[in-house]
Amino acid sequence: MQKVNPINLILAIFLPPIGAFLQVGLSAHFFINIVLTLLGRIPGVVHALWLVLTQKTG
């Protein structure tokens, strides 16, 4: 199991779209995260954390 980048983890909590962008780049997951964050902060945070903790890539 690879180590989680602590910067991405912190950004995923406080600025979900930035954390998602650093993890997956300009992919569909990034735009999904923006929509989820606009619909409510919690869904955006959960999605960003999922991206970071599962080590998803673009």
Foldseek 3Di string as FASTA:
>chain_A
DDDFDVVLLVCLLVPLLVSQCVQANPDPLSVVLVVLCVVDNVSSSVSSNVSRVVSDYD
